[in-house]
C-alpha atoms as a PDB file:
ATOM      1  CA  MET A   1     104.541  66.025 130.011  1.00  0.00           C
ATOM      2  CA  ARG A   2     102.048  63.811 128.022  1.00  0.00           C
ATOM      3  CA  ALA A   3      98.992  61.708 128.968  1.00  0.00           C
ATOM      4  CA  VAL A   4      96.990  59.273 127.245  1.00  0.00           C
ATOM      5  CA  ILE A   5      93.644  59.551 129.110  1.00  0.00           C
ATOM      6  CA  GLN A   6      90.811  57.048 128.738  1.00  0.00           C
ATOM      7  CA  ARG A   7      87.343  57.410 130.376  1.00  0.00           C
ATOM      8  CA  VAL A   8      87.089  53.769 131.562  1.00  0.00           C
ATOM      9  CA  SER A   9      83.957  51.571 133.018  1.00  0.00           C
ATOM     10  CA  GLU A  10      86.803  49.813 135.001  1.00  0.00           C
ATOM     11  CA  ALA A  11      90.539  49.404 135.204  1.00  0.00           C
ATOM     12  CA  SER A  12      93.231  47.693 137.203  1.00  0.00           C
ATOM     13  CA  VAL A  13      96.883  47.247 137.505  1.00  0.00           C
ATOM     14  CA  GLU A  14      98.629  43.999 138.476  1.00  0.00           C
ATOM     15  CA  VAL A  15     102.287  43.564 139.239  1.00  0.00           C
ATOM     16  CA  ASP A  16     103.546  39.968 139.651  1.00  0.00           C
ATOM     17  CA  THR A  17      99.887  38.744 139.557  1.00  0.00           C
ATOM     18  CA  LEU A  18      99.274  40.840 142.288  1.00  0.00           C
ATOM     19  CA  ARG A  19      96.488  43.587 141.999  1.00  0.00           C
ATOM     20  CA  ILE A  20      97.945  46.849 143.285  1.00  0.00           C
ATOM     21  CA  ALA A  21      95.177  49.099 141.873  1.00  0.00           C
ATOM     22  CA  ASP A  22      91.642  48.649 141.174  1.00  0.00           C
ATOM     23  CA  LEU A  23      88.905  50.987 139.541  1.00  0.00           C
ATOM     24  CA  ALA A  24      85.702  48.966 140.091  1.00  0.00           C
ATOM     25  CA  GLY A  25      83.346  51.605 138.562  1.00  0.00           C
ATOM     26  CA  PRO A  26      83.725  54.692 136.200  1.00  0.00           C
ATOM     27  CA  GLY A  27      86.742  57.091 136.230  1.00  0.00           C
ATOM     28  CA  LEU A  28      89.853  57.867 134.062  1.00  0.00           C
ATOM     29  CA  LEU A  29      92.823  55.845 133.192  1.00  0.00           C
ATOM     30  CA  VAL A  30      95.870  57.981 132.914  1.00  0.00           C
ATOM     31  CA  LEU A  31      98.845  56.940 131.220  1.00  0.00           C
ATOM     32  CA  LEU A  32     101.529  59.428 132.055  1.00  0.00           C
ATOM     33  CA  GLY A  33     104.957  60.021 130.564  1.00  0.00           C
ATOM     34  CA  ILE A  34     107.390  62.572 131.673  1.00  0.00           C
ATOM     35  CA  THR A  35     110.111  64.131 129.466  1.00  0.00           C
ATOM     36  CA  HIS A  36     113.437  65.927 130.298  1.00  0.00           C
ATOM     37  CA  THR A  37     112.215  69.338 130.810  1.00  0.00           C
ATOM     38  CA  ASP A  38     109.043  68.694 132.818  1.00  0.00           C
ATOM     39  CA  THR A  39     108.617  70.487 136.037  1.00  0.00           C
ATOM     40  CA  VAL A  40     106.645  70.481 139.131  1.00  0.00           C
ATOM     41  CA  ALA A  41     104.693  73.255 137.889  1.00  0.00           C
ATOM     42  CA  ASP A  42     103.689  70.964 134.757  1.00  0.00           C
ATOM     43  CA  ALA A  43     102.637  68.422 137.168  1.00  0.00           C
ATOM     44  CA  ALA A  44     100.325  70.919 138.683  1.00  0.00           C
ATOM     45  CA  LYS A  45      98.725  72.020 135.132  1.00  0.00           C
ATOM     46  CA  MET A  46      98.349  68.355 134.069  1.00  0.00           C
ATOM     47  CA  ALA A  47      96.573  67.459 137.350  1.00  0.00           C
ATOM     48  CA  THR A  48      94.036  70.436 136.901  1.00  0.00           C
ATOM     49  CA  LYS A  49      93.433  69.474 133.333  1.00  0.00           C
ATOM     50  CA  ILE A  50      92.545  65.838 134.125  1.00  0.00           C
ATOM     51  CA  HIS A  51      90.682  66.857 136.994  1.00  0.00           C
ATOM     52  CA  GLY A  52      88.652  69.564 134.916  1.00  0.00           C
ATOM     53  CA  LEU A  53      87.935  67.424 131.680  1.00  0.00           C
ATOM     54  CA  ARG A  54      84.173  67.324 130.822  1.00  0.00           C
ATOM     55  CA  ILE A  55      84.161  63.992 129.325  1.00  0.00           C
ATOM     56  CA  PHE A  56      81.382  62.395 131.505  1.00  0.00           C
ATOM     57  CA  ASP A  57      77.368  62.629 131.088  1.00  0.00           C
ATOM     58  CA  ALA A  58      75.717  64.377 133.641  1.00  0.00           C
ATOM     59  CA  PRO A  59      73.557  62.219 135.955  1.00  0.00           C
ATOM     60  CA  LEU A  60      70.064  61.500 134.696  1.00  0.00           C
ATOM     61  CA  ASP A  61      68.558  63.888 137.255  1.00  0.00           C
ATOM     62  CA  ALA A  62      70.347  67.014 136.231  1.00  0.00           C
ATOM     63  CA  ASP A  63      68.958  70.069 134.589  1.00  0.00           C
ATOM     64  CA  GLY A  64      69.350  69.555 130.899  1.00  0.00           C
ATOM     65  CA  PRO A  65      72.459  67.631 129.257  1.00  0.00           C
ATOM     66  CA  ARG A  66      75.880  68.745 129.831  1.00  0.00           C
ATOM     67  CA  GLU A  67      79.547  66.916 130.248  1.00  0.00           C
ATOM     68  CA  CYS A  68      80.821  66.657 133.634  1.00  0.00           C
ATOM     69  CA  SER A  69      84.564  66.049 134.921  1.00  0.00           C
ATOM     70  CA  VAL A  70      85.935  63.522 137.422  1.00  0.00           C
ATOM     71  CA  GLY A  71      86.132  66.405 139.873  1.00  0.00           C
ATOM     72  CA  GLU A  72      82.397  67.153 139.500  1.00  0.00           C
ATOM     73  CA  LEU A  73      81.244  63.729 139.813  1.00  0.00           C
ATOM     74  CA  GLY A  74      83.778  62.496 142.185  1.00  0.00           C
ATOM     75  CA  LEU A  75      85.089  59.835 140.065  1.00  0.00           C
ATOM     76  CA  PRO A  76      88.369  58.102 140.858  1.00  0.00           C
ATOM     77  CA  VAL A  77      91.576  58.274 138.670  1.00  0.00           C
ATOM     78  CA  LEU A  78      94.132  55.660 138.059  1.00  0.00           C
ATOM     79  CA  VAL A  79      97.646  57.211 137.173  1.00  0.00           C
ATOM     80  CA  VAL A  80     100.079  54.763 135.442  1.00  0.00           C
ATOM     81  CA  SER A  81     103.819  55.654 134.353  1.00  0.00           C
ATOM     82  CA  GLN A  82     104.202  55.161 130.638  1.00  0.00           C
ATOM     83  CA  PHE A  83     107.505  56.102 129.363  1.00  0.00           C
ATOM     84  CA  THR A  84     106.939  54.519 126.141  1.00  0.00           C
ATOM     85  CA  LEU A  85     104.797  57.812 125.226  1.00  0.00           C
ATOM     86  CA  TYR A  86     108.154  59.435 124.312  1.00  0.00           C
ATOM     87  CA  GLY A  87     109.539  56.572 122.077  1.00  0.00           C
ATOM     88  CA  SER A  88     110.244  57.691 118.735  1.00  0.00           C
ATOM     89  CA  THR A  89     110.085  55.477 115.789  1.00  0.00           C
ATOM     90  CA  ASN A  90     111.412  58.308 113.202  1.00  0.00           C
ATOM     91  CA  LYS A  91     114.667  56.023 112.576  1.00  0.00           C
ATOM     92  CA  GLY A  92     114.237  52.316 111.639  1.00  0.00           C
ATOM     93  CA  ARG A  93     112.047  49.691 113.181  1.00  0.00           C
ATOM     94  CA  ARG A  94     113.547  49.999 116.790  1.00  0.00           C
ATOM     95  CA  PRO A  95     111.781  52.838 119.091  1.00  0.00           C
ATOM     96  CA  THR A  96     114.218  55.023 120.814  1.00  0.00           C
ATOM     97  CA  TRP A  97     113.486  56.285 124.408  1.00  0.00           C
ATOM     98  CA  ASP A  98     115.888  59.326 124.273  1.00  0.00           C
ATOM     99  CA  ALA A  99     112.733  62.114 124.932  1.00  0.00           C
ATOM    100  CA  ALA A 100     111.664  60.142 127.792  1.00  0.00           C
ATOM    101  CA  ALA A 101     113.148  61.309 131.407  1.00  0.00           C
ATOM    102  CA  PRO A 102     115.062  59.004 133.388  1.00  0.00           C
ATOM    103  CA  GLY A 103     113.523  57.714 136.702  1.00  0.00           C
ATOM    104  CA  GLY A 104     115.167  60.110 138.958  1.00  0.00           C
ATOM    105  CA  ILE A 105     113.171  62.791 137.082  1.00  0.00           C
ATOM    106  CA  ALA A 106     110.030  61.012 135.994  1.00  0.00           C
ATOM    107  CA  GLU A 107     109.234  58.889 139.108  1.00  0.00           C
ATOM    108  CA  PRO A 108     108.690  62.221 141.456  1.00  0.00           C
ATOM    109  CA  LEU A 109     106.524  64.178 138.711  1.00  0.00           C
ATOM    110  CA  ILE A 110     104.176  61.077 138.262  1.00  0.00           C
ATOM    111  CA  ALA A 111     103.912  61.077 142.152  1.00  0.00           C
ATOM    112  CA  GLU A 112     103.443  64.919 141.932  1.00  0.00           C
ATOM    113  CA  VAL A 113     100.624  64.709 139.356  1.00  0.00           C
ATOM    114  CA  ALA A 114      99.026  62.123 141.579  1.00  0.00           C
ATOM    115  CA  THR A 115      99.287  64.601 144.764  1.00  0.00           C
ATOM    116  CA  GLN A 116      97.910  67.309 143.075  1.00  0.00           C
ATOM    117  CA  LEU A 117      95.127  65.251 142.040  1.00  0.00           C
ATOM    118  CA  ARG A 118      94.485  64.349 145.690  1.00  0.00           C
ATOM    119  CA  LEU A 119      94.654  68.154 146.642  1.00  0.00           C
ATOM    120  CA  LEU A 120      91.996  68.662 144.058  1.00  0.00           C
ATOM    121  CA  GLY A 121      89.829  65.910 145.926  1.00  0.00           C
ATOM    122  CA  VAL A 122      90.116  63.220 143.583  1.00  0.00           C
ATOM    123  CA  GLU A 123      90.501  59.567 144.902  1.00  0.00           C
ATOM    124  CA  VAL A 124      93.891  58.130 142.992  1.00  0.00           C
ATOM    125  CA  GLN A 125      95.246  54.940 142.572  1.00  0.00           C
ATOM    126  CA  THR A 126      98.757  54.516 140.872  1.00  0.00           C
ATOM    127  CA  GLY A 127     100.729  51.968 139.262  1.00  0.00           C
ATOM    128  CA  GLN A 128     104.158  50.766 140.332  1.00  0.00           C
ATOM    129  CA  PHE A 129     106.804  53.112 138.620  1.00  0.00           C
ATOM    130  CA  GLY A 130     109.410  51.181 136.869  1.00  0.00           C
ATOM    131  CA  ALA A 131     107.446  47.773 137.458  1.00  0.00           C
ATOM    132  CA  ASP A 132     106.447  45.331 134.784  1.00  0.00           C
ATOM    133  CA  MET A 133     102.709  46.032 134.762  1.00  0.00           C
ATOM    134  CA  ALA A 134      99.704  44.382 133.605  1.00  0.00           C
ATOM    135  CA  VAL A 135      97.155  47.017 132.808  1.00  0.00           C
ATOM    136  CA  ARG A 136      93.736  46.361 132.291  1.00  0.00           C
ATOM    137  CA  SER A 137      90.799  48.569 131.478  1.00  0.00           C
ATOM    138  CA  ILE A 138      87.425  48.619 129.430  1.00  0.00           C
ATOM    139  CA  ASN A 139      87.279  52.009 127.539  1.00  0.00           C
ATOM    140  CA  ALA A 140      84.006  53.793 127.854  1.00  0.00           C
ATOM    141  CA  GLY A 141      82.585  55.248 124.498  1.00  0.00           C
ATOM    142  CA  PRO A 142      85.394  54.802 123.500  1.00  0.00           C
ATOM    143  CA  MET A 143      87.114  57.957 124.754  1.00  0.00           C
ATOM    144  CA  THR A 144      90.750  58.434 124.565  1.00  0.00           C
ATOM    145  CA  LEU A 145      92.433  61.734 124.644  1.00  0.00           C
ATOM    146  CA  ILE A 146      96.191  62.873 124.384  1.00  0.00           C
ATOM    147  CA  LEU A 147      97.271  65.535 126.568  1.00  0.00           C
ATOM    148  CA  ASP A 148     100.436  67.279 126.398  1.00  0.00           C
ATOM    149  CA  VAL A 149     101.988  69.874 129.025  1.00  0.00           C
ATOM    150  CA  PRO A 150     102.975  72.637 128.454  1.00  0.00           C
END
């Protein structure tokens, strides 16, 4: 399981010009790819890592400087499926997607990450699996991380 995580000041997803997800304030945009060997346990581990990433500044009234997570600050997360995270360009100029899990494996695991984040108390919005999505974001920082689980 691989995620590209961006700290954003805002983000949204549109499908056929219809806005289906909208983070109007700070939070995380998580582009999530699934490979063939990923499991429900991996989804729980990924959710825990996302929930606990300390990449936001503490509120100004906090004692001393420290970094905080979405869990500590109550910030939202937008999870978007992204099979292209497992694309390979090792041969030639045309990517292959052999390492990306098929929809029957990937879709429930993407949903499981979102569910696990919700169980941790995070407000979660999602893209639409398999759709041609227009994903917009304003990266704050910029801050972009790549997480691989396991």
